[in-house]
Every structure is written in C-alpha cells, then in structure tokens.
Amino acid sequence: MHAVVISGTFNDRSAAEAEVPDLTARVSGMPGFVAGYWIALSGGEAHAIIVFETAEGAQALAQAAHGGPSDAVSVTAIKVGEVIGRA
C-alpha cells in the first residue's frame, strides 16, 4: 500500500469543510482507494492522508492534488510514501 500525505493551510475553513463531501466522493472513487482522512489541526493547519493499494493510485492522486482542491486550502506539500505498518 502507498499513502499520499497532503499538507496545507486553511484560507477559509468553513468553505473547506463544506467541500469535504464532494472531495471524499471523488477521491474514494479513484482506482485502488483504501481509506482517506482529512484532518484540521490547530493554527489553521490542514492535512490529509489518503491510502491506495498501489503506488500508481497514490501517484495519480498526488498529480491531481497539485493546485489544491479549492481556494479554501493552500497546499504546501504533497508527498507519496509506502505504508510500512497499520493498526
């Protein structure tokens, strides 16, 4: 399995939260999707961890995520890595 880790900052958290249902529907429909988590941390930090069965699935999302899901979040980093453990 491979995961995409996306980091960013909220420009408009309320707008970002309103977009989550559409975003999760699109991402969960991608080939090889396993699970996804969208996380709001203090200080306006936004993060997402999305897991795919294959590196190719993860790379496809990483390419699609460049430019951010919307103006509500500024993406600062997108990284793809191999999942080496889970609980």
PDB file of N, CA and C in Angstrom:
ATOM      1  N   MET A   1       0.839  -1.176   0.000  1.00  0.00           N
ATOM      2  CA  MET A   1       0.000   0.000   0.000  1.00  0.00           C
ATOM      3  C   MET A   1       0.883   1.238   0.000  1.00  0.00           C
ATOM      4  N   HIS A   2       0.319   2.322  -0.534  1.00  0.00           N
ATOM      5  CA  HIS A   2       1.004   3.612  -0.569  1.00  0.00           C
ATOM      6  C   HIS A   2       0.037   4.701  -0.115  1.00  0.00           C
ATOM      7  N   ALA A   3       0.605   5.738   0.506  1.00  0.00           N
ATOM      8  CA  ALA A   3      -0.215   6.834   1.013  1.00  0.00           C
ATOM      9  C   ALA A   3       0.236   8.156   0.417  1.00  0.00           C
ATOM     10  N   VAL A   4      -0.727   9.024   0.246  1.00  0.00           N
ATOM     11  CA  VAL A   4      -0.460  10.405  -0.141  1.00  0.00           C
ATOM     12  C   VAL A   4      -0.682  11.248   1.113  1.00  0.00           C
ATOM     13  N   VAL A   5       0.313  12.048   1.471  1.00  0.00           N
ATOM     14  CA  VAL A   5       0.207  12.939   2.617  1.00  0.00           C
ATOM     15  C   VAL A   5       0.213  14.357   2.066  1.00  0.00           C
ATOM     16  N   ILE A   6      -0.872  15.063   2.295  1.00  0.00           N
ATOM     17  CA  ILE A   6      -1.024  16.423   1.789  1.00  0.00           C
ATOM     18  C   ILE A   6      -1.077  17.371   2.983  1.00  0.00           C
ATOM     19  N   SER A   7      -0.256  18.398   2.942  1.00  0.00           N
ATOM     20  CA  SER A   7      -0.225  19.407   3.997  1.00  0.00           C
ATOM     21  C   SER A   7      -0.600  20.758   3.417  1.00  0.00           C
ATOM     22  N   GLY A   8      -1.254  21.570   4.233  1.00  0.00           N
ATOM     23  CA  GLY A   8      -1.622  22.896   3.770  1.00  0.00           C
ATOM     24  C   GLY A   8      -2.114  23.765   4.904  1.00  0.00           C
ATOM     25  N   THR A   9      -2.660  24.899   4.528  1.00  0.00           N
ATOM     26  CA  THR A   9      -3.250  25.817   5.492  1.00  0.00           C
ATOM     27  C   THR A   9      -4.633  26.220   5.005  1.00  0.00           C
ATOM     28  N   PHE A  10      -5.517  26.400   5.962  1.00  0.00           N
ATOM     29  CA  PHE A  10      -6.867  26.842   5.629  1.00  0.00           C
ATOM     30  C   PHE A  10      -6.854  28.318   5.287  1.00  0.00           C
ATOM     31  N   ASN A  11      -7.447  28.666   4.168  1.00  0.00           N
ATOM     32  CA  ASN A  11      -7.744  30.058   3.840  1.00  0.00           C
ATOM     33  C   ASN A  11      -9.146  30.390   4.328  1.00  0.00           C
ATOM     34  N   ASP A  12     -10.025  29.385   4.262  1.00  0.00           N
ATOM     35  CA  ASP A  12     -11.413  29.516   4.702  1.00  0.00           C
ATOM     36  C   ASP A  12     -11.869  28.131   5.159  1.00  0.00           C
ATOM     37  N   ARG A  13     -11.731  27.873   6.460  1.00  0.00           N
ATOM     38  CA  ARG A  13     -12.026  26.534   6.974  1.00  0.00           C
ATOM     39  C   ARG A  13     -13.480  26.143   6.734  1.00  0.00           C
ATOM     40  N   SER A  14     -14.410  27.054   6.928  1.00  0.00           N
ATOM     41  CA  SER A  14     -15.837  26.731   6.719  1.00  0.00           C
ATOM     42  C   SER A  14     -16.088  26.292   5.287  1.00  0.00           C
ATOM     43  N   ALA A  15     -15.496  27.003   4.334  1.00  0.00           N
ATOM     44  CA  ALA A  15     -15.657  26.625   2.925  1.00  0.00           C
ATOM     45  C   ALA A  15     -15.012  25.275   2.658  1.00  0.00           C
ATOM     46  N   ALA A  16     -13.844  25.034   3.250  1.00  0.00           N
ATOM     47  CA  ALA A  16     -13.161  23.748   3.060  1.00  0.00           C
ATOM     48  C   ALA A  16     -14.014  22.606   3.605  1.00  0.00           C
ATOM     49  N   GLU A  17     -14.579  22.786   4.777  1.00  0.00           N
ATOM     50  CA  GLU A  17     -15.418  21.745   5.365  1.00  0.00           C
ATOM     51  C   GLU A  17     -16.658  21.477   4.515  1.00  0.00           C
ATOM     52  N   ALA A  18     -17.207  22.518   3.908  1.00  0.00           N
ATOM     53  CA  ALA A  18     -18.376  22.344   3.046  1.00  0.00           C
ATOM     54  C   ALA A  18     -18.039  21.547   1.792  1.00  0.00           C
ATOM     55  N   GLU A  19     -16.775  21.585   1.366  1.00  0.00           N
ATOM     56  CA  GLU A  19     -16.349  20.873   0.163  1.00  0.00           C
ATOM     57  C   GLU A  19     -15.963  19.418   0.427  1.00  0.00           C
ATOM     58  N   VAL A  20     -15.820  19.030   1.690  1.00  0.00           N
ATOM     59  CA  VAL A  20     -15.348  17.689   2.025  1.00  0.00           C
ATOM     60  C   VAL A  20     -16.237  16.577   1.443  1.00  0.00           C
ATOM     61  N   PRO A  21     -17.565  16.645   1.521  1.00  0.00           N
ATOM     62  CA  PRO A  21     -18.361  15.548   0.965  1.00  0.00           C
ATOM     63  C   PRO A  21     -18.091  15.299  -0.527  1.00  0.00           C
ATOM     64  N   ASP A  22     -17.991  16.354  -1.318  1.00  0.00           N
ATOM     65  CA  ASP A  22     -17.707  16.190  -2.750  1.00  0.00           C
ATOM     66  C   ASP A  22     -16.291  15.658  -2.960  1.00  0.00           C
ATOM     67  N   LEU A  23     -15.347  16.192  -2.207  1.00  0.00           N
ATOM     68  CA  LEU A  23     -13.955  15.767  -2.326  1.00  0.00           C
ATOM     69  C   LEU A  23     -13.801  14.297  -1.964  1.00  0.00           C
ATOM     70  N   THR A  24     -14.407  13.876  -0.866  1.00  0.00           N
ATOM     71  CA  THR A  24     -14.274  12.483  -0.448  1.00  0.00           C
ATOM     72  C   THR A  24     -14.951  11.543  -1.451  1.00  0.00           C
ATOM     73  N   ALA A  25     -16.048  11.979  -2.037  1.00  0.00           N
ATOM     74  CA  ALA A  25     -16.715  11.146  -3.045  1.00  0.00           C
ATOM     75  C   ALA A  25     -15.827  10.955  -4.267  1.00  0.00           C
ATOM     76  N   ARG A  26     -15.163  12.026  -4.716  1.00  0.00           N
ATOM     77  CA  ARG A  26     -14.283  11.921  -5.888  1.00  0.00           C
ATOM     78  C   ARG A  26     -13.069  11.051  -5.590  1.00  0.00           C
ATOM     79  N   VAL A  27     -12.440  11.274  -4.448  1.00  0.00           N
ATOM     80  CA  VAL A  27     -11.227  10.526  -4.112  1.00  0.00           C
ATOM     81  C   VAL A  27     -11.544   9.051  -3.874  1.00  0.00           C
ATOM     82  N   SER A  28     -12.625   8.758  -3.169  1.00  0.00           N
ATOM     83  CA  SER A  28     -12.957   7.364  -2.874  1.00  0.00           C
ATOM     84  C   SER A  28     -13.324   6.578  -4.127  1.00  0.00           C
ATOM     85  N   GLY A  29     -13.650   7.268  -5.200  1.00  0.00           N
ATOM     86  CA  GLY A  29     -13.958   6.602  -6.459  1.00  0.00           C
ATOM     87  C   GLY A  29     -12.737   6.320  -7.322  1.00  0.00           C
ATOM     88  N   MET A  30     -11.567   6.751  -6.876  1.00  0.00           N
ATOM     89  CA  MET A  30     -10.347   6.531  -7.663  1.00  0.00           C
ATOM     90  C   MET A  30      -9.906   5.070  -7.547  1.00  0.00           C
ATOM     91  N   PRO A  31      -9.315   4.529  -8.600  1.00  0.00           N
ATOM     92  CA  PRO A  31      -8.873   3.134  -8.573  1.00  0.00           C
ATOM     93  C   PRO A  31      -7.875   2.858  -7.448  1.00  0.00           C
ATOM     94  N   GLY A  32      -8.132   1.800  -6.697  1.00  0.00           N
ATOM     95  CA  GLY A  32      -7.226   1.378  -5.649  1.00  0.00           C
ATOM     96  C   GLY A  32      -7.379   2.097  -4.325  1.00  0.00           C
ATOM     97  N   PHE A  33      -8.390   2.973  -4.211  1.00  0.00           N
ATOM     98  CA  PHE A  33      -8.599   3.706  -2.960  1.00  0.00           C
ATOM     99  C   PHE A  33      -8.850   2.729  -1.812  1.00  0.00           C
ATOM    100  N   VAL A  34      -8.199   2.968  -0.663  1.00  0.00           N
ATOM    101  CA  VAL A  34      -8.393   2.153   0.538  1.00  0.00           C
ATOM    102  C   VAL A  34      -9.074   2.957   1.635  1.00  0.00           C
ATOM    103  N   ALA A  35      -8.506   4.121   1.974  1.00  0.00           N
ATOM    104  CA  ALA A  35      -9.055   4.940   3.054  1.00  0.00           C
ATOM    105  C   ALA A  35      -8.507   6.356   2.933  1.00  0.00           C
ATOM    106  N   GLY A  36      -9.244   7.302   3.495  1.00  0.00           N
ATOM    107  CA  GLY A  36      -8.778   8.682   3.481  1.00  0.00           C
ATOM    108  C   GLY A  36      -9.204   9.409   4.738  1.00  0.00           C
ATOM    109  N   TYR A  37      -8.340  10.308   5.185  1.00  0.00           N
ATOM    110  CA  TYR A  37      -8.602  11.100   6.380  1.00  0.00           C
ATOM    111  C   TYR A  37      -8.237  12.544   6.098  1.00  0.00           C
ATOM    112  N   TRP A  38      -9.158  13.449   6.382  1.00  0.00           N
ATOM    113  CA  TRP A  38      -8.922  14.876   6.230  1.00  0.00           C
ATOM    114  C   TRP A  38      -8.895  15.445   7.635  1.00  0.00           C
ATOM    115  N   ILE A  39      -7.815  16.142   7.977  1.00  0.00           N
ATOM    116  CA  ILE A  39      -7.543  16.498   9.366  1.00  0.00           C
ATOM    117  C   ILE A  39      -7.334  18.007   9.499  1.00  0.00           C
ATOM    118  N   ALA A  40      -7.997  18.599  10.484  1.00  0.00           N
ATOM    119  CA  ALA A  40      -7.811  20.018  10.811  1.00  0.00           C
ATOM    120  C   ALA A  40      -7.062  20.087  12.131  1.00  0.00           C
ATOM    121  N   LEU A  41      -5.887  20.707  12.120  1.00  0.00           N
ATOM    122  CA  LEU A  41      -5.105  20.904  13.336  1.00  0.00           C
ATOM    123  C   LEU A  41      -5.206  22.358  13.772  1.00  0.00           C
ATOM    124  N   SER A  42      -4.790  22.625  14.978  1.00  0.00           N
ATOM    125  CA  SER A  42      -4.812  23.994  15.470  1.00  0.00           C
ATOM    126  C   SER A  42      -3.870  24.858  14.633  1.00  0.00           C
ATOM    127  N   GLY A  43      -4.085  26.143  14.691  1.00  0.00           N
ATOM    128  CA  GLY A  43      -3.241  27.065  13.949  1.00  0.00           C
ATOM    129  C   GLY A  43      -3.559  27.134  12.471  1.00  0.00           C
ATOM    130  N   GLY A  44      -4.708  26.593  12.064  1.00  0.00           N
ATOM    131  CA  GLY A  44      -5.104  26.663  10.659  1.00  0.00           C
ATOM    132  C   GLY A  44      -4.450  25.646   9.757  1.00  0.00           C
ATOM    133  N   GLU A  45      -3.804  24.637  10.346  1.00  0.00           N
ATOM    134  CA  GLU A  45      -3.163  23.605   9.527  1.00  0.00           C
ATOM    135  C   GLU A  45      -4.200  22.612   9.003  1.00  0.00           C
ATOM    136  N   ALA A  46      -4.036  22.241   7.751  1.00  0.00           N
ATOM    137  CA  ALA A  46      -4.893  21.254   7.102  1.00  0.00           C
ATOM    138  C   ALA A  46      -4.015  20.121   6.591  1.00  0.00           C
ATOM    139  N   HIS A  47      -4.433  18.882   6.852  1.00  0.00           N
ATOM    140  CA  HIS A  47      -3.679  17.721   6.394  1.00  0.00           C
ATOM    141  C   HIS A  47      -4.639  16.660   5.885  1.00  0.00           C
ATOM    142  N   ALA A  48      -4.148  15.842   4.987  1.00  0.00           N
ATOM    143  CA  ALA A  48      -4.917  14.700   4.514  1.00  0.00           C
ATOM    144  C   ALA A  48      -3.961  13.526   4.350  1.00  0.00           C
ATOM    145  N   ILE A  49      -4.450  12.350   4.683  1.00  0.00           N
ATOM    146  CA  ILE A  49      -3.717  11.110   4.461  1.00  0.00           C
ATOM    147  C   ILE A  49      -4.666  10.201   3.706  1.00  0.00           C
ATOM    148  N   ILE A  50      -4.285   9.842   2.485  1.00  0.00           N
ATOM    149  CA  ILE A  50      -5.133   9.015   1.639  1.00  0.00           C
ATOM    150  C   ILE A  50      -4.331   7.799   1.211  1.00  0.00           C
ATOM    151  N   VAL A  51      -4.884   6.618   1.449  1.00  0.00           N
ATOM    152  CA  VAL A  51      -4.176   5.359   1.209  1.00  0.00           C
ATOM    153  C   VAL A  51      -4.746   4.660  -0.023  1.00  0.00           C
ATOM    154  N   PHE A  52      -3.831   4.138  -0.832  1.00  0.00           N
ATOM    155  CA  PHE A  52      -4.186   3.381  -2.038  1.00  0.00           C
ATOM    156  C   PHE A  52      -3.501   2.023  -2.017  1.00  0.00           C
ATOM    157  N   GLU A  53      -4.056   1.084  -2.761  1.00  0.00           N
ATOM    158  CA  GLU A  53      -3.470  -0.250  -2.857  1.00  0.00           C
ATOM    159  C   GLU A  53      -2.123  -0.240  -3.562  1.00  0.00           C
ATOM    160  N   THR A  54      -1.939   0.696  -4.507  1.00  0.00           N
ATOM    161  CA  THR A  54      -0.721   0.701  -5.320  1.00  0.00           C
ATOM    162  C   THR A  54      -0.063   2.076  -5.342  1.00  0.00           C
ATOM    163  N   ALA A  55       1.215   2.070  -5.690  1.00  0.00           N
ATOM    164  CA  ALA A  55       1.945   3.327  -5.865  1.00  0.00           C
ATOM    165  C   ALA A  55       1.337   4.135  -7.001  1.00  0.00           C
ATOM    166  N   GLU A  56       0.869   3.460  -8.030  1.00  0.00           N
ATOM    167  CA  GLU A  56       0.284   4.154  -9.176  1.00  0.00           C
ATOM    168  C   GLU A  56      -0.975   4.923  -8.777  1.00  0.00           C
ATOM    169  N   GLY A  57      -1.807   4.323  -7.938  1.00  0.00           N
ATOM    170  CA  GLY A  57      -3.003   5.012  -7.465  1.00  0.00           C
ATOM    171  C   GLY A  57      -2.654   6.236  -6.643  1.00  0.00           C
ATOM    172  N   ALA A  58      -1.658   6.088  -5.772  1.00  0.00           N
ATOM    173  CA  ALA A  58      -1.223   7.209  -4.947  1.00  0.00           C
ATOM    174  C   ALA A  58      -0.634   8.320  -5.808  1.00  0.00           C
ATOM    175  N   GLN A  59       0.172   7.964  -6.783  1.00  0.00           N
ATOM    176  CA  GLN A  59       0.768   8.974  -7.665  1.00  0.00           C
ATOM    177  C   GLN A  59      -0.302   9.703  -8.468  1.00  0.00           C
ATOM    178  N   ALA A  60      -1.344   8.984  -8.885  1.00  0.00           N
ATOM    179  CA  ALA A  60      -2.432   9.615  -9.645  1.00  0.00           C
ATOM    180  C   ALA A  60      -3.115  10.694  -8.798  1.00  0.00           C
ATOM    181  N   LEU A  61      -3.359  10.394  -7.526  1.00  0.00           N
ATOM    182  CA  LEU A  61      -3.965  11.409  -6.663  1.00  0.00           C
ATOM    183  C   LEU A  61      -3.001  12.563  -6.431  1.00  0.00           C
ATOM    184  N   ALA A  62      -1.740  12.266  -6.212  1.00  0.00           N
ATOM    185  CA  ALA A  62      -0.755  13.322  -5.978  1.00  0.00           C
ATOM    186  C   ALA A  62      -0.714  14.289  -7.158  1.00  0.00           C
ATOM    187  N   GLN A  63      -0.755  13.759  -8.369  1.00  0.00           N
ATOM    188  CA  GLN A  63      -0.761  14.622  -9.555  1.00  0.00           C
ATOM    189  C   GLN A  63      -2.034  15.463  -9.616  1.00  0.00           C
ATOM    190  N   ALA A  64      -3.170  14.855  -9.282  1.00  0.00           N
ATOM    191  CA  ALA A  64      -4.444  15.577  -9.324  1.00  0.00           C
ATOM    192  C   ALA A  64      -4.530  16.643  -8.233  1.00  0.00           C
ATOM    193  N   ALA A  65      -3.818  16.427  -7.128  1.00  0.00           N
ATOM    194  CA  ALA A  65      -3.908  17.336  -5.985  1.00  0.00           C
ATOM    195  C   ALA A  65      -3.068  18.600  -6.143  1.00  0.00           C
ATOM    196  N   HIS A  66      -2.138  18.613  -7.085  1.00  0.00           N
ATOM    197  CA  HIS A  66      -1.346  19.830  -7.276  1.00  0.00           C
ATOM    198  C   HIS A  66      -2.280  20.974  -7.656  1.00  0.00           C
ATOM    199  N   GLY A  67      -2.121  22.083  -7.000  1.00  0.00           N
ATOM    200  CA  GLY A  67      -3.023  23.216  -7.203  1.00  0.00           C
ATOM    201  C   GLY A  67      -4.109  23.270  -6.164  1.00  0.00           C
ATOM    202  N   GLY A  68      -4.230  22.222  -5.369  1.00  0.00           N
ATOM    203  CA  GLY A  68      -5.174  22.223  -4.258  1.00  0.00           C
ATOM    204  C   GLY A  68      -6.582  21.899  -4.684  1.00  0.00           C
ATOM    205  N   PRO A  69      -7.374  21.449  -3.720  1.00  0.00           N
ATOM    206  CA  PRO A  69      -8.763  21.103  -4.007  1.00  0.00           C
ATOM    207  C   PRO A  69      -9.613  22.327  -4.304  1.00  0.00           C
ATOM    208  N   SER A  70      -9.220  23.483  -3.763  1.00  0.00           N
ATOM    209  CA  SER A  70     -10.002  24.702  -3.974  1.00  0.00           C
ATOM    210  C   SER A  70      -9.217  25.881  -3.427  1.00  0.00           C
ATOM    211  N   ASP A  71      -9.819  27.050  -3.486  1.00  0.00           N
ATOM    212  CA  ASP A  71      -9.204  28.237  -2.906  1.00  0.00           C
ATOM    213  C   ASP A  71      -9.301  28.242  -1.386  1.00  0.00           C
ATOM    214  N   ALA A  72     -10.080  27.323  -0.815  1.00  0.00           N
ATOM    215  CA  ALA A  72     -10.283  27.288   0.626  1.00  0.00           C
ATOM    216  C   ALA A  72      -9.058  26.767   1.376  1.00  0.00           C
ATOM    217  N   VAL A  73      -8.172  26.038   0.668  1.00  0.00           N
ATOM    218  CA  VAL A  73      -6.961  25.488   1.279  1.00  0.00           C
ATOM    219  C   VAL A  73      -5.778  25.768   0.365  1.00  0.00           C
ATOM    220  N   SER A  74      -4.687  26.252   0.953  1.00  0.00           N
ATOM    221  CA  SER A  74      -3.429  26.404   0.212  1.00  0.00           C
ATOM    222  C   SER A  74      -2.559  25.193   0.498  1.00  0.00           C
ATOM    223  N   VAL A  75      -2.289  24.408  -0.526  1.00  0.00           N
ATOM    224  CA  VAL A  75      -1.471  23.206  -0.366  1.00  0.00           C
ATOM    225  C   VAL A  75      -0.006  23.616  -0.310  1.00  0.00           C
ATOM    226  N   THR A  76       0.703  23.129   0.721  1.00  0.00           N
ATOM    227  CA  THR A  76       2.114  23.449   0.885  1.00  0.00           C
ATOM    228  C   THR A  76       3.026  22.274   0.569  1.00  0.00           C
ATOM    229  N   ALA A  77       2.512  21.041   0.643  1.00  0.00           N
ATOM    230  CA  ALA A  77       3.334  19.864   0.342  1.00  0.00           C
ATOM    231  C   ALA A  77       2.448  18.686  -0.007  1.00  0.00           C
ATOM    232  N   ILE A  78       2.926  17.900  -0.969  1.00  0.00           N
ATOM    233  CA  ILE A  78       2.272  16.651  -1.338  1.00  0.00           C
ATOM    234  C   ILE A  78       3.368  15.606  -1.438  1.00  0.00           C
ATOM    235  N   LYS A  79       3.263  14.552  -0.626  1.00  0.00           N
ATOM    236  CA  LYS A  79       4.266  13.500  -0.615  1.00  0.00           C
ATOM    237  C   LYS A  79       3.598  12.144  -0.735  1.00  0.00           C
ATOM    238  N   VAL A  80       4.279  11.215  -1.407  1.00  0.00           N
ATOM    239  CA  VAL A  80       3.797   9.852  -1.564  1.00  0.00           C
ATOM    240  C   VAL A  80       4.815   8.921  -0.920  1.00  0.00           C
ATOM    241  N   GLY A  81       4.329   7.972  -0.121  1.00  0.00           N
ATOM    242  CA  GLY A  81       5.228   7.032   0.517  1.00  0.00           C
ATOM    243  C   GLY A  81       4.601   5.672   0.679  1.00  0.00           C
ATOM    244  N   GLU A  82       5.436   4.700   0.917  1.00  0.00           N
ATOM    245  CA  GLU A  82       4.973   3.333   1.135  1.00  0.00           C
ATOM    246  C   GLU A  82       4.474   3.183   2.572  1.00  0.00           C
ATOM    247  N   VAL A  83       3.341   2.533   2.736  1.00  0.00           N
ATOM    248  CA  VAL A  83       2.799   2.242   4.070  1.00  0.00           C
ATOM    249  C   VAL A  83       3.576   1.045   4.603  1.00  0.00           C
ATOM    250  N   ILE A  84       4.233   1.204   5.742  1.00  0.00           N
ATOM    251  CA  ILE A  84       5.029   0.115   6.297  1.00  0.00           C
ATOM    252  C   ILE A  84       4.415  -0.503   7.544  1.00  0.00           C
ATOM    253  N   GLY A  85       3.270   0.020   7.979  1.00  0.00           N
ATOM    254  CA  GLY A  85       2.579  -0.539   9.119  1.00  0.00           C
ATOM    255  C   GLY A  85       1.211   0.078   9.265  1.00  0.00           C
ATOM    256  N   ARG A  86       0.325  -0.653   9.923  1.00  0.00           N
ATOM    257  CA  ARG A  86      -1.005  -0.131  10.200  1.00  0.00           C
ATOM    258  C   ARG A  86      -1.583  -0.887  11.383  1.00  0.00           C
ATOM    259  N   ALA A  87      -2.589  -0.304  12.006  1.00  0.00           N
ATOM    260  CA  ALA A  87      -3.225  -0.947  13.167  1.00  0.00           C
ATOM    261  C   ALA A  87      -4.722  -0.973  12.970  1.00  0.00           C
TER     262      ALA A  87
END
